[in-house]
C-alpha atoms as a PDB file:
ATOM      1  CA  MET A   1      18.219  -5.386 -39.213  1.00  0.00           C
ATOM      2  CA  LYS A   2      16.496  -3.094 -41.718  1.00  0.00           C
ATOM      3  CA  LEU A   3      13.823  -5.720 -42.337  1.00  0.00           C
ATOM      4  CA  SER A   4      13.271  -6.024 -38.600  1.00  0.00           C
ATOM      5  CA  ARG A   5      12.834  -2.256 -38.288  1.00  0.00           C
ATOM      6  CA  ASN A   6      10.425  -2.249 -41.228  1.00  0.00           C
ATOM      7  CA  ARG A   7       8.363  -4.992 -39.643  1.00  0.00           C
ATOM      8  CA  THR A   8       8.267  -3.165 -36.331  1.00  0.00           C
ATOM      9  CA  GLY A   9       7.162  -0.012 -38.099  1.00  0.00           C
ATOM     10  CA  TYR A  10       4.460  -1.978 -39.904  1.00  0.00           C
ATOM     11  CA  TYR A  11       3.232  -3.531 -36.660  1.00  0.00           C
ATOM     12  CA  ILE A  12       3.045  -0.172 -34.907  1.00  0.00           C
ATOM     13  CA  LYS A  13       1.353   1.448 -37.916  1.00  0.00           C
ATOM     14  CA  GLU A  14      -1.257  -1.302 -38.116  1.00  0.00           C
ATOM     15  CA  GLY A  15      -1.828  -1.127 -34.360  1.00  0.00           C
ATOM     16  CA  VAL A  16      -2.400   2.641 -34.484  1.00  0.00           C
ATOM     17  CA  VAL A  17      -4.644   2.363 -37.550  1.00  0.00           C
ATOM     18  CA  SER A  18      -6.699  -0.325 -35.806  1.00  0.00           C
ATOM     19  CA  ILE A  19      -7.160   1.946 -32.780  1.00  0.00           C
ATOM     20  CA  PHE A  20      -8.698   4.689 -34.914  1.00  0.00           C
ATOM     21  CA  THR A  21     -10.563   2.279 -37.168  1.00  0.00           C
ATOM     22  CA  HIS A  22     -12.293   0.760 -34.156  1.00  0.00           C
ATOM     23  CA  GLY A  23     -12.486   4.031 -32.264  1.00  0.00           C
ATOM     24  CA  LEU A  24     -15.501   3.160 -30.141  1.00  0.00           C
ATOM     25  CA  MET A  25     -14.060  -0.145 -28.964  1.00  0.00           C
ATOM     26  CA  SER A  26     -10.662   1.447 -28.386  1.00  0.00           C
ATOM     27  CA  PHE A  27     -12.329   4.111 -26.271  1.00  0.00           C
ATOM     28  CA  ALA A  28     -14.183   1.410 -24.343  1.00  0.00           C
ATOM     29  CA  SER A  29     -10.928  -0.470 -23.734  1.00  0.00           C
ATOM     30  CA  VAL A  30      -9.225   2.650 -22.398  1.00  0.00           C
ATOM     31  CA  CYS A  31     -12.215   3.413 -20.175  1.00  0.00           C
ATOM     32  CA  ILE A  32     -12.089  -0.117 -18.758  1.00  0.00           C
ATOM     33  CA  ILE A  33      -8.398   0.209 -17.923  1.00  0.00           C
ATOM     34  CA  VAL A  34      -8.874   3.688 -16.449  1.00  0.00           C
ATOM     35  CA  ALA A  35     -11.831   2.599 -14.322  1.00  0.00           C
ATOM     36  CA  PHE A  36     -10.027  -0.509 -13.068  1.00  0.00           C
ATOM     37  CA  LEU A  37      -6.830   1.345 -12.196  1.00  0.00           C
ATOM     38  CA  ILE A  38      -8.657   4.205 -10.476  1.00  0.00           C
ATOM     39  CA  ILE A  39     -10.625   1.744  -8.336  1.00  0.00           C
ATOM     40  CA  MET A  40      -7.526  -0.318  -7.613  1.00  0.00           C
ATOM     41  CA  GLY A  41      -5.445   2.774  -6.877  1.00  0.00           C
ATOM     42  CA  SER A  42      -8.141   4.168  -4.600  1.00  0.00           C
ATOM     43  CA  PHE A  43      -8.230   0.982  -2.546  1.00  0.00           C
ATOM     44  CA  ALA A  44      -4.428   0.962  -2.442  1.00  0.00           C
ATOM     45  CA  LEU A  45      -4.315   4.555  -1.167  1.00  0.00           C
ATOM     46  CA  ILE A  46      -7.009   3.830   1.403  1.00  0.00           C
ATOM     47  CA  ALA A  47      -5.033   0.821   2.606  1.00  0.00           C
ATOM     48  CA  LEU A  48      -1.811   2.844   2.776  1.00  0.00           C
ATOM     49  CA  ASN A  49      -3.490   5.593   4.782  1.00  0.00           C
ATOM     50  CA  ILE A  50      -5.053   3.096   7.188  1.00  0.00           C
ATOM     51  CA  ASN A  51      -1.703   1.355   7.604  1.00  0.00           C
ATOM     52  CA  ALA A  52      -0.101   4.739   8.307  1.00  0.00           C
ATOM     53  CA  VAL A  53      -2.702   5.491  10.981  1.00  0.00           C
ATOM     54  CA  VAL A  54      -2.252   2.021  12.478  1.00  0.00           C
ATOM     55  CA  GLY A  55       1.500   2.574  12.429  1.00  0.00           C
ATOM     56  CA  GLU A  56       1.115   5.811  14.376  1.00  0.00           C
ATOM     57  CA  LEU A  57      -1.104   4.060  16.910  1.00  0.00           C
ATOM     58  CA  GLU A  58       1.452   1.267  17.171  1.00  0.00           C
ATOM     59  CA  ASN A  59       4.119   3.814  18.035  1.00  0.00           C
ATOM     60  CA  GLU A  60       1.940   5.046  20.885  1.00  0.00           C
ATOM     61  CA  ASN A  61       1.326   1.527  22.191  1.00  0.00           C
ATOM     62  CA  ILE A  62       4.327   1.227  24.492  1.00  0.00           C
ATOM     63  CA  ILE A  63       5.546  -1.135  27.186  1.00  0.00           C
ATOM     64  CA  LEU A  64       5.902   0.451  30.630  1.00  0.00           C
ATOM     65  CA  VAL A  65       8.892  -0.957  32.469  1.00  0.00           C
ATOM     66  CA  TYR A  66       8.967  -0.170  36.202  1.00  0.00           C
ATOM     67  CA  ILE A  67      12.338  -0.307  37.949  1.00  0.00           C
ATOM     68  CA  ASP A  68      12.860  -1.796  41.384  1.00  0.00           C
ATOM     69  CA  GLU A  69      12.137   0.932  43.930  1.00  0.00           C
ATOM     70  CA  HIS A  70      15.320   0.155  45.889  1.00  0.00           C
ATOM     71  CA  LEU A  71      17.597   1.103  42.994  1.00  0.00           C
ATOM     72  CA  THR A  72      19.069   4.571  42.732  1.00  0.00           C
ATOM     73  CA  GLU A  73      18.517   6.801  39.723  1.00  0.00           C
ATOM     74  CA  ASN A  74      21.973   6.003  38.330  1.00  0.00           C
ATOM     75  CA  GLU A  75      21.382   2.271  38.724  1.00  0.00           C
ATOM     76  CA  ALA A  76      17.978   2.641  37.060  1.00  0.00           C
ATOM     77  CA  ARG A  77      19.525   4.507  34.132  1.00  0.00           C
ATOM     78  CA  ALA A  78      22.120   1.772  33.722  1.00  0.00           C
ATOM     79  CA  ILE A  79      19.366  -0.761  33.051  1.00  0.00           C
ATOM     80  CA  GLY A  80      18.518   1.117  29.868  1.00  0.00           C
ATOM     81  CA  THR A  81      21.416  -0.582  28.046  1.00  0.00           C
ATOM     82  CA  ARG A  82      19.964  -4.018  28.766  1.00  0.00           C
ATOM     83  CA  LEU A  83      16.511  -2.905  27.724  1.00  0.00           C
ATOM     84  CA  LEU A  84      17.819  -1.725  24.348  1.00  0.00           C
ATOM     85  CA  ALA A  85      19.638  -5.055  23.894  1.00  0.00           C
ATOM     86  CA  THR A  86      16.334  -6.919  24.147  1.00  0.00           C
ATOM     87  CA  PRO A  87      15.069  -8.266  20.798  1.00  0.00           C
ATOM     88  CA  ASN A  88      12.264  -6.233  19.163  1.00  0.00           C
ATOM     89  CA  VAL A  89      13.050  -3.102  21.235  1.00  0.00           C
ATOM     90  CA  THR A  90      13.754   0.007  19.147  1.00  0.00           C
ATOM     91  CA  SER A  91      14.076   2.665  21.843  1.00  0.00           C
ATOM     92  CA  ALA A  92      13.554   3.274  25.546  1.00  0.00           C
ATOM     93  CA  ARG A  93      12.924   6.610  27.264  1.00  0.00           C
ATOM     94  CA  PHE A  94      13.859   6.908  30.922  1.00  0.00           C
ATOM     95  CA  ILE A  95      11.384   8.685  33.222  1.00  0.00           C
ATOM     96  CA  THR A  96      12.405   9.641  36.738  1.00  0.00           C
ATOM     97  CA  ARG A  97      10.111   9.475  39.752  1.00  0.00           C
ATOM     98  CA  GLU A  98       9.806  13.250  39.725  1.00  0.00           C
ATOM     99  CA  GLU A  99       8.858  13.343  36.037  1.00  0.00           C
ATOM    100  CA  ALA A 100       6.302  10.586  36.561  1.00  0.00           C
ATOM    101  CA  LEU A 101       4.740  12.490  39.489  1.00  0.00           C
ATOM    102  CA  THR A 102       4.597  15.725  37.495  1.00  0.00           C
ATOM    103  CA  ALA A 103       2.937  13.944  34.556  1.00  0.00           C
ATOM    104  CA  PHE A 104       0.435  12.269  36.895  1.00  0.00           C
ATOM    105  CA  ILE A 105      -0.548  15.509  38.652  1.00  0.00           C
ATOM    106  CA  GLY A 106      -0.823  17.277  35.305  1.00  0.00           C
ATOM    107  CA  ARG A 107      -3.823  15.131  34.415  1.00  0.00           C
ATOM    108  CA  TYR A 108      -5.965  16.856  37.044  1.00  0.00           C
ATOM    109  CA  GLU A 109      -7.174  20.427  37.393  1.00  0.00           C
ATOM    110  CA  ASN A 110      -7.104  20.476  41.182  1.00  0.00           C
ATOM    111  CA  THR A 111      -3.449  19.881  41.977  1.00  0.00           C
ATOM    112  CA  GLU A 112      -3.658  21.018  45.606  1.00  0.00           C
ATOM    113  CA  ARG A 113      -4.754  17.591  46.798  1.00  0.00           C
ATOM    114  CA  PHE A 114      -1.450  16.125  45.575  1.00  0.00           C
ATOM    115  CA  LYS A 115       0.803  18.615  47.424  1.00  0.00           C
ATOM    116  CA  ASP A 116       1.704  16.049  50.061  1.00  0.00           C
ATOM    117  CA  VAL A 117       2.512  13.282  47.566  1.00  0.00           C
ATOM    118  CA  ASP A 118       6.200  12.428  47.595  1.00  0.00           C
ATOM    119  CA  ALA A 119       8.006  11.347  44.419  1.00  0.00           C
ATOM    120  CA  THR A 120       9.754   8.558  46.322  1.00  0.00           C
ATOM    121  CA  TRP A 121       6.425   6.774  46.492  1.00  0.00           C
ATOM    122  CA  LEU A 122       6.744   6.123  42.755  1.00  0.00           C
ATOM    123  CA  ARG A 123       9.245   4.098  40.762  1.00  0.00           C
ATOM    124  CA  HIS A 124      11.651   5.114  38.031  1.00  0.00           C
ATOM    125  CA  ARG A 125      10.357   3.760  34.742  1.00  0.00           C
ATOM    126  CA  TYR A 126      10.970   3.406  31.028  1.00  0.00           C
ATOM    127  CA  ASN A 127       8.696   3.891  28.070  1.00  0.00           C
ATOM    128  CA  VAL A 128       9.819   1.121  25.722  1.00  0.00           C
ATOM    129  CA  PHE A 129       8.933   1.165  22.012  1.00  0.00           C
ATOM    130  CA  VAL A 130       8.900  -2.030  19.960  1.00  0.00           C
ATOM    131  CA  GLU A 131       9.564  -2.739  16.294  1.00  0.00           C
ATOM    132  CA  ASP A 132       6.935  -5.435  15.714  1.00  0.00           C
ATOM    133  CA  ILE A 133       3.743  -5.031  17.691  1.00  0.00           C
ATOM    134  CA  GLU A 134       2.833  -8.677  17.053  1.00  0.00           C
ATOM    135  CA  LEU A 135       5.705  -9.683  19.347  1.00  0.00           C
ATOM    136  CA  ILE A 136       4.803  -7.257  22.122  1.00  0.00           C
ATOM    137  CA  SER A 137       3.702  -9.993  24.544  1.00  0.00           C
ATOM    138  CA  GLN A 138       6.993 -11.866  24.251  1.00  0.00           C
ATOM    139  CA  THR A 139       8.953  -8.630  24.454  1.00  0.00           C
ATOM    140  CA  ARG A 140       7.115  -7.656  27.634  1.00  0.00           C
ATOM    141  CA  ASP A 141       8.014 -10.995  29.231  1.00  0.00           C
ATOM    142  CA  ASP A 142      11.669 -10.636  28.175  1.00  0.00           C
ATOM    143  CA  LEU A 143      11.839  -7.152  29.700  1.00  0.00           C
ATOM    144  CA  ALA A 144      10.223  -8.323  32.929  1.00  0.00           C
ATOM    145  CA  ASP A 145      12.968 -10.959  33.322  1.00  0.00           C
ATOM    146  CA  ILE A 146      15.777  -8.371  33.320  1.00  0.00           C
ATOM    147  CA  TYR A 147      17.446  -7.927  36.702  1.00  0.00           C
ATOM    148  CA  GLY A 148      16.321  -4.705  38.362  1.00  0.00           C
ATOM    149  CA  VAL A 149      12.948  -4.595  36.601  1.00  0.00           C
ATOM    150  CA  ALA A 150      10.034  -4.786  39.045  1.00  0.00           C
ATOM    151  CA  LYS A 151       7.400  -5.342  36.371  1.00  0.00           C
ATOM    152  CA  ALA A 152       6.584  -4.637  32.741  1.00  0.00           C
ATOM    153  CA  THR A 153       3.084  -3.855  31.501  1.00  0.00           C
ATOM    154  CA  ALA A 154       1.512  -3.452  28.065  1.00  0.00           C
ATOM    155  CA  ASN A 155      -2.027  -3.098  26.787  1.00  0.00           C
ATOM    156  CA  LEU A 156      -2.119  -6.375  24.880  1.00  0.00           C
ATOM    157  CA  ARG A 157      -5.778  -6.026  23.927  1.00  0.00           C
ATOM    158  CA  ILE A 158      -5.130  -2.801  22.014  1.00  0.00           C
ATOM    159  CA  ALA A 159      -2.008  -4.273  20.438  1.00  0.00           C
ATOM    160  CA  GLN A 160      -3.876  -7.355  19.241  1.00  0.00           C
ATOM    161  CA  GLY A 161      -6.675  -5.162  17.901  1.00  0.00           C
ATOM    162  CA  LEU A 162      -4.199  -3.084  15.888  1.00  0.00           C
ATOM    163  CA  VAL A 163      -2.562  -6.208  14.482  1.00  0.00           C
ATOM    164  CA  THR A 164      -5.950  -7.615  13.494  1.00  0.00           C
ATOM    165  CA  LEU A 165      -6.982  -4.337  11.842  1.00  0.00           C
ATOM    166  CA  ARG A 166      -3.742  -4.156   9.891  1.00  0.00           C
ATOM    167  CA  ASN A 167      -4.048  -7.766   8.691  1.00  0.00           C
ATOM    168  CA  ILE A 168      -7.686  -7.312   7.663  1.00  0.00           C
ATOM    169  CA  VAL A 169      -6.915  -4.157   5.686  1.00  0.00           C
ATOM    170  CA  SER A 170      -3.920  -5.741   3.943  1.00  0.00           C
ATOM    171  CA  GLY A 171      -5.772  -8.967   3.153  1.00  0.00           C
ATOM    172  CA  ALA A 172      -8.904  -7.200   1.895  1.00  0.00           C
ATOM    173  CA  SER A 173      -6.822  -4.911  -0.328  1.00  0.00           C
ATOM    174  CA  VAL A 174      -5.013  -7.848  -1.947  1.00  0.00           C
ATOM    175  CA  ILE A 175      -8.285  -9.723  -2.566  1.00  0.00           C
ATOM    176  CA  ILE A 176     -10.050  -6.683  -4.017  1.00  0.00           C
ATOM    177  CA  VAL A 177      -7.145  -5.830  -6.332  1.00  0.00           C
ATOM    178  CA  ALA A 178      -6.874  -9.462  -7.500  1.00  0.00           C
ATOM    179  CA  VAL A 179     -10.611  -9.671  -8.255  1.00  0.00           C
ATOM    180  CA  LEU A 180     -10.574  -6.349 -10.096  1.00  0.00           C
ATOM    181  CA  LEU A 181      -7.543  -7.441 -12.127  1.00  0.00           C
ATOM    182  CA  VAL A 182      -9.257 -10.659 -13.256  1.00  0.00           C
ATOM    183  CA  ILE A 183     -12.466  -8.799 -14.148  1.00  0.00           C
ATOM    184  CA  SER A 184     -10.547  -6.108 -16.034  1.00  0.00           C
ATOM    185  CA  LEU A 185      -8.513  -8.685 -17.965  1.00  0.00           C
ATOM    186  CA  PHE A 186     -11.684 -10.569 -18.869  1.00  0.00           C
ATOM    187  CA  ILE A 187     -13.509  -7.459 -20.091  1.00  0.00           C
ATOM    188  CA  MET A 188     -10.446  -6.241 -21.986  1.00  0.00           C
ATOM    189  CA  SER A 189     -10.136  -9.644 -23.656  1.00  0.00           C
ATOM    190  CA  ASN A 190     -13.778  -9.580 -24.727  1.00  0.00           C
ATOM    191  CA  THR A 191     -13.378  -6.049 -26.062  1.00  0.00           C
ATOM    192  CA  ILE A 192     -10.409  -7.092 -28.199  1.00  0.00           C
ATOM    193  CA  LYS A 193     -12.360 -10.157 -29.318  1.00  0.00           C
ATOM    194  CA  LEU A 194     -14.908  -7.820 -30.867  1.00  0.00           C
ATOM    195  CA  ALA A 195     -12.158  -6.152 -32.886  1.00  0.00           C
ATOM    196  CA  ALA A 196     -10.775  -9.535 -33.895  1.00  0.00           C
ATOM    197  CA  PHE A 197     -14.257 -10.723 -34.828  1.00  0.00           C
ATOM    198  CA  GLU A 198     -14.681  -7.805 -37.213  1.00  0.00           C
ATOM    199  CA  ARG A 199     -11.336  -8.709 -38.800  1.00  0.00           C
ATOM    200  CA  ARG A 200     -11.842 -12.481 -38.741  1.00  0.00           C
ATOM    201  CA  GLU A 201     -12.015 -12.714 -42.532  1.00  0.00           C
ATOM    202  CA  GLU A 202      -8.877 -10.624 -42.899  1.00  0.00           C
ATOM    203  CA  ILE A 203      -7.097 -12.844 -40.380  1.00  0.00           C
ATOM    204  CA  ALA A 204      -8.299 -15.989 -42.200  1.00  0.00           C
ATOM    205  CA  ILE A 205      -7.045 -14.682 -45.554  1.00  0.00           C
ATOM    206  CA  MET A 206      -3.654 -13.794 -44.043  1.00  0.00           C
ATOM    207  CA  LYS A 207      -3.399 -17.299 -42.617  1.00  0.00           C
ATOM    208  CA  MET A 208      -4.252 -18.825 -45.993  1.00  0.00           C
ATOM    209  CA  VAL A 209      -1.522 -16.882 -47.820  1.00  0.00           C
ATOM    210  CA  GLY A 210       1.062 -18.087 -45.319  1.00  0.00           C
ATOM    211  CA  ALA A 211       1.224 -15.343 -42.672  1.00  0.00           C
ATOM    212  CA  THR A 212       2.584 -16.634 -39.391  1.00  0.00           C
ATOM    213  CA  ASN A 213       0.700 -16.317 -36.123  1.00  0.00           C
ATOM    214  CA  SER A 214       3.265 -13.858 -34.795  1.00  0.00           C
ATOM    215  CA  PHE A 215       2.940 -11.640 -37.894  1.00  0.00           C
ATOM    216  CA  ILE A 216      -0.825 -11.464 -37.340  1.00  0.00           C
ATOM    217  CA  ARG A 217      -0.573 -11.143 -33.586  1.00  0.00           C
ATOM    218  CA  TRP A 218       1.997  -8.314 -33.301  1.00  0.00           C
ATOM    219  CA  PRO A 219      -0.215  -5.442 -34.580  1.00  0.00           C
ATOM    220  CA  PHE A 220      -2.844  -6.441 -31.993  1.00  0.00           C
ATOM    221  CA  ILE A 221      -0.175  -6.591 -29.290  1.00  0.00           C
ATOM    222  CA  TYR A 222       1.025  -3.090 -30.151  1.00  0.00           C
ATOM    223  CA  GLU A 223      -2.579  -1.949 -30.189  1.00  0.00           C
ATOM    224  CA  GLY A 224      -3.099  -3.398 -26.699  1.00  0.00           C
ATOM    225  CA  PHE A 225       0.204  -1.899 -25.533  1.00  0.00           C
ATOM    226  CA  ILE A 226      -0.739   1.582 -26.726  1.00  0.00           C
ATOM    227  CA  LEU A 227      -4.220   1.346 -25.215  1.00  0.00           C
ATOM    228  CA  GLY A 228      -2.810   0.001 -21.952  1.00  0.00           C
ATOM    229  CA  VAL A 229      -0.142   2.677 -21.556  1.00  0.00           C
ATOM    230  CA  PHE A 230      -2.555   5.463 -22.525  1.00  0.00           C
ATOM    231  CA  GLY A 231      -5.175   4.122 -20.112  1.00  0.00           C
ATOM    232  CA  SER A 232      -2.704   3.756 -17.253  1.00  0.00           C
ATOM    233  CA  SER A 233      -1.361   7.290 -17.775  1.00  0.00           C
ATOM    234  CA  ALA A 234      -4.882   8.734 -17.840  1.00  0.00           C
ATOM    235  CA  ALA A 235      -5.825   6.764 -14.719  1.00  0.00           C
ATOM    236  CA  PHE A 236      -2.711   7.955 -12.874  1.00  0.00           C
ATOM    237  CA  ALA A 237      -3.434  11.603 -13.712  1.00  0.00           C
ATOM    238  CA  ALA A 238      -7.098  11.235 -12.736  1.00  0.00           C
ATOM    239  CA  LEU A 239      -6.267   9.518  -9.455  1.00  0.00           C
ATOM    240  CA  TRP A 240      -3.689  12.189  -8.596  1.00  0.00           C
ATOM    241  CA  ALA A 241      -6.254  14.929  -9.178  1.00  0.00           C
ATOM    242  CA  LEU A 242      -8.958  13.013  -7.289  1.00  0.00           C
ATOM    243  CA  TYR A 243      -6.680  12.324  -4.325  1.00  0.00           C
ATOM    244  CA  GLY A 244      -5.650  15.968  -4.182  1.00  0.00           C
ATOM    245  CA  LEU A 245      -9.306  17.023  -4.195  1.00  0.00           C
ATOM    246  CA  VAL A 246     -10.201  14.577  -1.418  1.00  0.00           C
ATOM    247  CA  ALA A 247      -7.163  15.601   0.623  1.00  0.00           C
ATOM    248  CA  ASP A 248      -8.078  19.285   0.366  1.00  0.00           C
ATOM    249  CA  ARG A 249     -11.626  18.574   1.499  1.00  0.00           C
ATOM    250  CA  ALA A 250     -10.780  16.036   4.212  1.00  0.00           C
ATOM    251  CA  ILE A 251      -7.823  17.613   5.974  1.00  0.00           C
ATOM    252  CA  ASP A 252      -8.453  20.251   8.611  1.00  0.00           C
ATOM    253  CA  VAL A 253      -5.031  21.837   8.861  1.00  0.00           C
ATOM    254  CA  GLU A 254      -5.773  23.675  12.068  1.00  0.00           C
ATOM    255  CA  SER A 255      -7.088  20.714  14.045  1.00  0.00           C
ATOM    256  CA  GLY A 256      -4.753  18.128  12.555  1.00  0.00           C
ATOM    257  CA  LEU A 257      -7.298  15.412  13.321  1.00  0.00           C
ATOM    258  CA  ILE A 258      -6.857  13.776   9.914  1.00  0.00           C
ATOM    259  CA  SER A 259      -3.446  13.032   8.475  1.00  0.00           C
ATOM    260  CA  LEU A 260      -3.273  11.687   4.932  1.00  0.00           C
ATOM    261  CA  ILE A 261      -0.031  10.560   3.366  1.00  0.00           C
ATOM    262  CA  SER A 262       1.299  12.788   0.610  1.00  0.00           C
ATOM    263  CA  PHE A 263       0.604  11.507  -2.911  1.00  0.00           C
ATOM    264  CA  SER A 264       4.145  12.423  -3.914  1.00  0.00           C
ATOM    265  CA  THR A 265       5.523   9.807  -1.510  1.00  0.00           C
ATOM    266  CA  VAL A 266       3.800   7.006  -3.447  1.00  0.00           C
ATOM    267  CA  SER A 267       3.564   8.573  -6.914  1.00  0.00           C
ATOM    268  CA  VAL A 268       6.619   6.855  -8.436  1.00  0.00           C
ATOM    269  CA  PRO A 269       5.847   3.259  -7.350  1.00  0.00           C
ATOM    270  CA  LEU A 270       2.152   3.827  -8.128  1.00  0.00           C
ATOM    271  CA  PHE A 271       2.981   5.063 -11.635  1.00  0.00           C
ATOM    272  CA  VAL A 272       5.231   2.061 -12.235  1.00  0.00           C
ATOM    273  CA  VAL A 273       2.515  -0.336 -11.030  1.00  0.00           C
ATOM    274  CA  PHE A 274      -0.108   1.401 -13.176  1.00  0.00           C
ATOM    275  CA  THR A 275       2.114   1.196 -16.251  1.00  0.00           C
ATOM    276  CA  VAL A 276       2.933  -2.481 -15.721  1.00  0.00           C
ATOM    277  CA  ILE A 277      -0.704  -3.403 -15.091  1.00  0.00           C
ATOM    278  CA  GLY A 278      -1.900  -1.314 -18.047  1.00  0.00           C
ATOM    279  CA  PHE A 279       0.671  -3.018 -20.268  1.00  0.00           C
ATOM    280  CA  GLY A 280      -0.249  -6.446 -18.899  1.00  0.00           C
ATOM    281  CA  VAL A 281      -3.997  -5.962 -19.273  1.00  0.00           C
ATOM    282  CA  GLY A 282      -3.677  -4.504 -22.775  1.00  0.00           C
ATOM    283  CA  VAL A 283      -1.208  -7.033 -24.168  1.00  0.00           C
ATOM    284  CA  GLY A 284      -2.596  -9.964 -22.172  1.00  0.00           C
ATOM    285  CA  GLY A 285      -6.146  -9.211 -23.250  1.00  0.00           C
ATOM    286  CA  CYS A 286      -5.079  -9.113 -26.907  1.00  0.00           C
ATOM    287  CA  GLY A 287      -3.214 -12.395 -26.589  1.00  0.00           C
ATOM    288  CA  MET A 288      -6.187 -14.124 -25.001  1.00  0.00           C
ATOM    289  CA  ALA A 289      -8.587 -12.735 -27.586  1.00  0.00           C
ATOM    290  CA  LEU A 290      -6.618 -13.798 -30.688  1.00  0.00           C
ATOM    291  CA  ASN A 291      -6.045 -17.433 -29.826  1.00  0.00           C
ATOM    292  CA  ARG A 292      -9.425 -18.483 -31.200  1.00  0.00           C
ATOM    293  CA  TYR A 293      -9.045 -16.662 -34.526  1.00  0.00           C
ATOM    294  CA  LEU A 294      -5.514 -17.880 -35.196  1.00  0.00           C
ATOM    295  CA  LYS A 295      -6.702 -21.494 -35.282  1.00  0.00           C
ATOM    296  CA  VAL A 296      -7.614 -21.507 -38.964  1.00  0.00           C
END
């Protein structure tokens, strides 16, 4: 156990010494990780904000369910139970004829021309909200088949547009992050290769005197781990500050036209992802870089 602790201490010590010995390359490695994570995090935050906006628009994209005009108000209200039992329906708000007429007249400045309009000319209706907007067409048909429902309408073109936008944003974000991850891993690997190249004679001598591959590899792994964690922490702090700056500039509190999600709501999962990726890029890059020099 003591020997194991001594070895671990030696590995960490050698990893730290290597960082300061090759200060310029270590700095370059950290900068690569920071740049990659900031770019990746920025795209992730953009995607999250767009998805939030799309989600709000989805909530406004409702199905209008018109009740048979011959049914009384109580009978119309009773249909609400069956509407809520329909798959993909999350809620349904009942609107009486009188409320519908008031809302209709409220759209116009000159209300005098509607003074002779009688509420009985309209139907009781429901505003129905769905869980998955992709299923809105099927849900509309299911609602229209309920007894007592005269018709159900939904703006399918807007719904399909929102679904397409959401899929494009999600797909593009995944592709961009994947490409950036591969590029970052490649650059990190090449950076570590430079450090290994400078120490190639040392590595060869250690191999000749009987040092195992793991004994040679571990200091580099700890070096990559330290660089990765430091880079990910710096990137997280920089992105937090950058996002706060953008949010302060972009949001007009009085108009409320722009609504960005709070960084605190995604800070914990984002920090975890940054740490894991920083660890993976640092350690993975070291592992990839050393394979060539361990074949002596």
